[in-house]
C-alpha atoms as a PDB file:
ATOM      1  CA  PRO A   1       0.000   0.000   0.000  1.00  0.00           C
ATOM      2  CA  PRO A   2       1.100   3.635  -0.495  1.00  0.00           C
ATOM      3  CA  LEU A   3       3.268   5.058   2.282  1.00  0.00           C
ATOM      4  CA  SER A   4       3.890   1.579   3.692  1.00  0.00           C
ATOM      5  CA  TYR A   5       7.146   0.201   4.980  1.00  0.00           C
ATOM      6  CA  PHE A   6       8.472  -3.281   4.246  1.00  0.00           C
ATOM      7  CA  VAL A   7      11.027  -5.490   5.959  1.00  0.00           C
ATOM      8  CA  PHE A   8      13.146  -7.941   3.972  1.00  0.00           C
ATOM      9  CA  THR A   9      14.933 -10.446   6.189  1.00  0.00           C
ATOM     10  CA  PRO A  10      16.011 -14.077   6.319  1.00  0.00           C
ATOM     11  CA  TYR A  11      14.649 -14.145   9.912  1.00  0.00           C
ATOM     12  CA  PRO A  12      11.059 -12.827   9.964  1.00  0.00           C
ATOM     13  CA  GLU A  13      10.308 -14.502  13.304  1.00  0.00           C
ATOM     14  CA  ARG A  14      12.998 -12.359  14.972  1.00  0.00           C
ATOM     15  CA  ILE A  15      11.512  -9.159  13.579  1.00  0.00           C
ATOM     16  CA  THR A  16       7.959  -9.974  14.609  1.00  0.00           C
ATOM     17  CA  ALA A  17       9.095 -11.104  18.086  1.00  0.00           C
ATOM     18  CA  LEU A  18      11.259  -8.051  18.787  1.00  0.00           C
ATOM     19  CA  TYR A  19       9.267  -5.327  17.025  1.00  0.00           C
ATOM     20  CA  SER A  20       5.596  -6.078  17.479  1.00  0.00           C
ATOM     21  CA  GLY A  21       2.953  -3.510  18.271  1.00  0.00           C
ATOM     22  CA  PRO A  22      -0.294  -2.095  16.996  1.00  0.00           C
ATOM     23  CA  ASN A  23       1.143  -1.582  13.495  1.00  0.00           C
ATOM     24  CA  LYS A  24       2.810  -4.877  12.701  1.00  0.00           C
ATOM     25  CA  PRO A  25       5.535  -4.601  10.068  1.00  0.00           C
ATOM     26  CA  ILE A  26       4.992  -6.134   6.641  1.00  0.00           C
ATOM     27  CA  VAL A  27       7.761  -8.748   6.587  1.00  0.00           C
ATOM     28  CA  PHE A  28       9.093 -10.708   3.610  1.00  0.00           C
ATOM     29  CA  LYS A  29      11.358 -13.698   4.146  1.00  0.00           C
ATOM     30  CA  THR A  30      14.227 -13.520   1.694  1.00  0.00           C
ATOM     31  CA  PRO A  31      17.928 -14.390   1.672  1.00  0.00           C
ATOM     32  CA  LEU A  32      20.199 -11.376   2.056  1.00  0.00           C
ATOM     33  CA  PRO A  33      23.972 -10.972   1.893  1.00  0.00           C
ATOM     34  CA  SER A  34      25.919 -10.332   5.076  1.00  0.00           C
ATOM     35  CA  MET A  35      26.033  -6.697   6.164  1.00  0.00           C
ATOM     36  CA  PRO A  36      29.264  -6.231   8.104  1.00  0.00           C
ATOM     37  CA  ASN A  37      29.389  -3.545  10.811  1.00  0.00           C
ATOM     38  CA  ASP A  38      32.732  -2.085   9.732  1.00  0.00           C
ATOM     39  CA  GLU A  39      31.781  -1.070   6.179  1.00  0.00           C
ATOM     40  CA  GLY A  40      29.767  -2.130   3.194  1.00  0.00           C
ATOM     41  CA  SER A  41      27.232  -1.116   0.611  1.00  0.00           C
ATOM     42  CA  ILE A  42      23.538  -1.677   0.076  1.00  0.00           C
ATOM     43  CA  GLY A  43      21.065  -0.744  -2.609  1.00  0.00           C
ATOM     44  CA  ILE A  44      17.685  -1.357  -4.142  1.00  0.00           C
ATOM     45  CA  CYS A  45      17.186  -1.864  -7.863  1.00  0.00           C
ATOM     46  CA  THR A  46      14.372  -2.636 -10.257  1.00  0.00           C
ATOM     47  CA  SER A  47      13.917  -6.031 -11.924  1.00  0.00           C
ATOM     48  CA  ASN A  48      15.971  -4.760 -14.905  1.00  0.00           C
ATOM     49  CA  PHE A  49      18.792  -3.665 -12.540  1.00  0.00           C
ATOM     50  CA  THR A  50      18.202   0.083 -12.605  1.00  0.00           C
ATOM     51  CA  TRP A  51      19.330   1.507  -9.249  1.00  0.00           C
ATOM     52  CA  ILE A  52      16.577   3.112  -7.185  1.00  0.00           C
ATOM     53  CA  ASP A  53      18.834   3.833  -4.224  1.00  0.00           C
ATOM     54  CA  PHE A  54      22.379   2.880  -3.246  1.00  0.00           C
ATOM     55  CA  THR A  55      24.905   3.802  -0.552  1.00  0.00           C
ATOM     56  CA  PHE A  56      28.276   2.856   0.843  1.00  0.00           C
ATOM     57  CA  TYR A  57      28.471   2.985   4.654  1.00  0.00           C
ATOM     58  CA  ASP A  58      31.055   2.508   7.383  1.00  0.00           C
ATOM     59  CA  ARG A  59      31.280   2.267  11.155  1.00  0.00           C
ATOM     60  CA  SER A  60      32.172   5.969  11.559  1.00  0.00           C
ATOM     61  CA  TRP A  61      28.608   6.908  10.560  1.00  0.00           C
ATOM     62  CA  HIS A  62      27.334   5.734  13.965  1.00  0.00           C
ATOM     63  CA  HIS A  63      26.843   8.109  16.879  1.00  0.00           C
ATOM     64  CA  GLU A  64      30.061   8.573  18.855  1.00  0.00           C
ATOM     65  CA  LEU A  65      28.458   7.015  21.964  1.00  0.00           C
ATOM     66  CA  ILE A  66      27.890   3.725  20.139  1.00  0.00           C
ATOM     67  CA  GLN A  67      30.874   1.625  21.210  1.00  0.00           C
ATOM     68  CA  ASN A  68      29.682  -1.577  19.530  1.00  0.00           C
ATOM     69  CA  PRO A  69      27.391  -1.111  16.498  1.00  0.00           C
ATOM     70  CA  GLU A  70      26.246  -4.762  16.568  1.00  0.00           C
ATOM     71  CA  ASN A  71      22.419  -4.732  16.327  1.00  0.00           C
ATOM     72  CA  VAL A  72      22.307  -0.923  15.997  1.00  0.00           C
ATOM     73  CA  SER A  73      20.761   0.159  12.701  1.00  0.00           C
ATOM     74  CA  LEU A  74      22.006   3.052  10.646  1.00  0.00           C
ATOM     75  CA  GLU A  75      18.955   5.028   9.586  1.00  0.00           C
ATOM     76  CA  ARG A  76      18.526   7.505   6.788  1.00  0.00           C
ATOM     77  CA  ILE A  77      17.388  10.814   8.248  1.00  0.00           C
ATOM     78  CA  ASN A  78      15.448  11.975   5.198  1.00  0.00           C
ATOM     79  CA  PRO A  79      14.920   9.798   2.109  1.00  0.00           C
ATOM     80  CA  PHE A  80      14.245  12.878  -0.033  1.00  0.00           C
ATOM     81  CA  VAL A  81      17.637  14.569   0.365  1.00  0.00           C
ATOM     82  CA  PRO A  82      21.051  13.515  -0.998  1.00  0.00           C
ATOM     83  CA  ASN A  83      22.351  10.149   0.079  1.00  0.00           C
ATOM     84  CA  GLU A  84      25.519  11.066   1.955  1.00  0.00           C
ATOM     85  CA  GLN A  85      27.047  10.412   5.374  1.00  0.00           C
ATOM     86  CA  SER A  86      25.454  13.479   6.987  1.00  0.00           C
ATOM     87  CA  ASN A  87      22.019  12.042   6.126  1.00  0.00           C
ATOM     88  CA  TRP A  88      22.556   8.843   8.173  1.00  0.00           C
ATOM     89  CA  HIS A  89      22.496   8.289  11.914  1.00  0.00           C
ATOM     90  CA  SER A  90      22.348   5.500  14.505  1.00  0.00           C
ATOM     91  CA  ALA A  91      18.823   4.452  15.388  1.00  0.00           C
ATOM     92  CA  SER A  92      17.443   5.730  18.667  1.00  0.00           C
ATOM     93  CA  TYR A  93      17.981   3.805  21.895  1.00  0.00           C
ATOM     94  CA  THR A  94      14.353   4.415  22.873  1.00  0.00           C
ATOM     95  CA  ARG A  95      13.209   2.515  19.752  1.00  0.00           C
ATOM     96  CA  GLY A  96      15.434  -0.498  20.425  1.00  0.00           C
ATOM     97  CA  TYR A  97      18.161   0.756  18.044  1.00  0.00           C
ATOM     98  CA  ALA A  98      16.007  -0.222  15.032  1.00  0.00           C
ATOM     99  CA  THR A  99      12.637   0.553  13.475  1.00  0.00           C
ATOM    100  CA  PRO A 100      11.883  -2.238  11.001  1.00  0.00           C
ATOM    101  CA  GLY A 101       8.653  -1.682   9.110  1.00  0.00           C
ATOM    102  CA  ARG A 102       8.202   1.803  10.561  1.00  0.00           C
ATOM    103  CA  LYS A 103       9.362   5.359   9.938  1.00  0.00           C
ATOM    104  CA  ASN A 104      13.004   5.710  11.011  1.00  0.00           C
ATOM    105  CA  SER A 105      13.537   6.953  14.561  1.00  0.00           C
ATOM    106  CA  GLN A 106      15.923   9.579  13.168  1.00  0.00           C
ATOM    107  CA  PHE A 107      13.570  10.762  10.390  1.00  0.00           C
ATOM    108  CA  MET A 108      13.356  14.538   9.984  1.00  0.00           C
ATOM    109  CA  LYS A 109      11.195  16.060   7.277  1.00  0.00           C
ATOM    110  CA  SER A 110      11.966  19.677   8.027  1.00  0.00           C
ATOM    111  CA  THR A 111      13.602  21.787  10.670  1.00  0.00           C
ATOM    112  CA  LEU A 112      11.677  21.808  13.935  1.00  0.00           C
ATOM    113  CA  ALA A 113      11.936  24.441  16.613  1.00  0.00           C
ATOM    114  CA  GLU A 114      13.703  22.927  19.602  1.00  0.00           C
ATOM    115  CA  LYS A 115      11.148  22.196  22.247  1.00  0.00           C
ATOM    116  CA  ILE A 116      10.767  19.987  25.294  1.00  0.00           C
ATOM    117  CA  SER A 117       7.421  19.697  27.023  1.00  0.00           C
ATOM    118  CA  VAL A 118       6.074  17.600  29.873  1.00  0.00           C
ATOM    119  CA  ILE A 119       2.356  16.741  29.897  1.00  0.00           C
ATOM    120  CA  PRO A 120       1.035  16.872  32.557  1.00  0.00           C
ATOM    121  CA  GLN A 121       3.754  18.766  34.380  1.00  0.00           C
ATOM    122  CA  VAL A 122       2.468  17.588  37.756  1.00  0.00           C
ATOM    123  CA  PHE A 123       1.414  13.962  38.046  1.00  0.00           C
ATOM    124  CA  SER A 124       0.728  11.419  40.765  1.00  0.00           C
ATOM    125  CA  PRO A 125       1.752   7.844  39.913  1.00  0.00           C
ATOM    126  CA  ASN A 126      -0.511   6.255  42.528  1.00  0.00           C
ATOM    127  CA  ASN A 127      -2.741   4.241  40.157  1.00  0.00           C
ATOM    128  CA  ASP A 128      -5.891   6.194  40.995  1.00  0.00           C
ATOM    129  CA  GLY A 129      -6.595   6.813  37.302  1.00  0.00           C
ATOM    130  CA  LYS A 130      -5.799  10.546  37.483  1.00  0.00           C
ATOM    131  CA  SER A 131      -2.533  11.827  36.037  1.00  0.00           C
ATOM    132  CA  ASP A 132      -0.702   8.573  36.796  1.00  0.00           C
ATOM    133  CA  VAL A 133       1.611   8.926  33.788  1.00  0.00           C
ATOM    134  CA  THR A 134       3.483  11.838  32.267  1.00  0.00           C
ATOM    135  CA  ALA A 135       4.829  12.227  28.734  1.00  0.00           C
ATOM    136  CA  ILE A 136       8.109  13.988  28.037  1.00  0.00           C
ATOM    137  CA  ASN A 137       7.851  15.265  24.445  1.00  0.00           C
ATOM    138  CA  ILE A 138      11.087  16.172  22.686  1.00  0.00           C
ATOM    139  CA  ASN A 139      11.338  17.965  19.309  1.00  0.00           C
ATOM    140  CA  LEU A 140      14.879  18.862  18.269  1.00  0.00           C
ATOM    141  CA  SER A 141      16.120  20.682  15.186  1.00  0.00           C
ATOM    142  CA  GLN A 142      18.858  18.153  14.403  1.00  0.00           C
ATOM    143  CA  THR A 143      19.992  14.600  15.021  1.00  0.00           C
ATOM    144  CA  GLY A 144      23.001  13.514  17.038  1.00  0.00           C
ATOM    145  CA  TRP A 145      21.722  14.124  20.551  1.00  0.00           C
ATOM    146  CA  ALA A 146      22.174  11.884  23.562  1.00  0.00           C
ATOM    147  CA  LEU A 147      19.819  12.239  26.503  1.00  0.00           C
ATOM    148  CA  SER A 148      20.171  11.777  30.227  1.00  0.00           C
ATOM    149  CA  LEU A 149      16.796  12.044  31.882  1.00  0.00           C
ATOM    150  CA  MET A 150      16.510  11.987  35.654  1.00  0.00           C
ATOM    151  CA  VAL A 151      13.484  12.479  37.887  1.00  0.00           C
ATOM    152  CA  TYR A 152      13.813  14.426  41.133  1.00  0.00           C
ATOM    153  CA  ASP A 153      11.368  14.709  44.007  1.00  0.00           C
ATOM    154  CA  ALA A 154      10.011  18.021  45.317  1.00  0.00           C
ATOM    155  CA  PHE A 155      13.068  18.359  47.596  1.00  0.00           C
ATOM    156  CA  GLY A 156      15.587  17.952  44.754  1.00  0.00           C
ATOM    157  CA  PHE A 157      16.609  14.385  45.478  1.00  0.00           C
ATOM    158  CA  PRO A 158      17.032  12.040  42.489  1.00  0.00           C
ATOM    159  CA  ILE A 159      14.477   9.223  42.544  1.00  0.00           C
ATOM    160  CA  LYS A 160      14.686   7.680  39.071  1.00  0.00           C
ATOM    161  CA  THR A 161      17.011   7.637  36.045  1.00  0.00           C
ATOM    162  CA  LEU A 162      14.926   7.162  32.905  1.00  0.00           C
ATOM    163  CA  LEU A 163      17.793   7.464  30.400  1.00  0.00           C
ATOM    164  CA  ASN A 164      21.525   7.736  30.959  1.00  0.00           C
ATOM    165  CA  ASN A 165      23.413   9.236  28.025  1.00  0.00           C
ATOM    166  CA  LYS A 166      21.479   7.302  25.337  1.00  0.00           C
ATOM    167  CA  PRO A 167      21.253   8.341  21.655  1.00  0.00           C
ATOM    168  CA  ILE A 168      17.809   9.695  20.783  1.00  0.00           C
ATOM    169  CA  GLY A 169      16.043  10.758  17.607  1.00  0.00           C
ATOM    170  CA  PRO A 170      14.950  14.322  16.875  1.00  0.00           C
ATOM    171  CA  THR A 171      11.351  13.526  17.843  1.00  0.00           C
ATOM    172  CA  GLU A 172      10.806  11.400  20.950  1.00  0.00           C
ATOM    173  CA  VAL A 173       8.114  10.762  23.525  1.00  0.00           C
ATOM    174  CA  ILE A 174       9.273   9.199  26.784  1.00  0.00           C
ATOM    175  CA  MET A 175       6.502   7.972  29.070  1.00  0.00           C
ATOM    176  CA  TRP A 176       6.904   7.653  32.823  1.00  0.00           C
END
């Protein structure tokens, strides 16, 4: 269908087990060549071998906080701009370092004003059905950020670390 995402993998059961949710990815089982972490190339072509898209990649394209890129996807930030290193980024930690069958966690269509909001700002996680959860909404104007997110009580004492220096995408919602 238009505007759909597809996953091509030799291991569809892994994808459906790790990345399930309300919008299940459309997965096709197919053999694929090895994709080494250090460097490589990948492309998509038509049945008569006309290239639709193609790129060379290497380990240096990952966020500097990624020590081991094993199981961390490189994601294209915007599919409508030139295919170069600056348009690729490590997938967000909060999305499991991959987004198969979904819009990339690092996707940016246009420049966003930097904004962080918390809704509701005051909440009471006591399971009474009123303001038990809060959403931290993050909209950044560029990729490449890492986030440490700590919760403090009314007296300024730390009570919970939600994220500790983890790569995030430009648009995130963290629920607590």
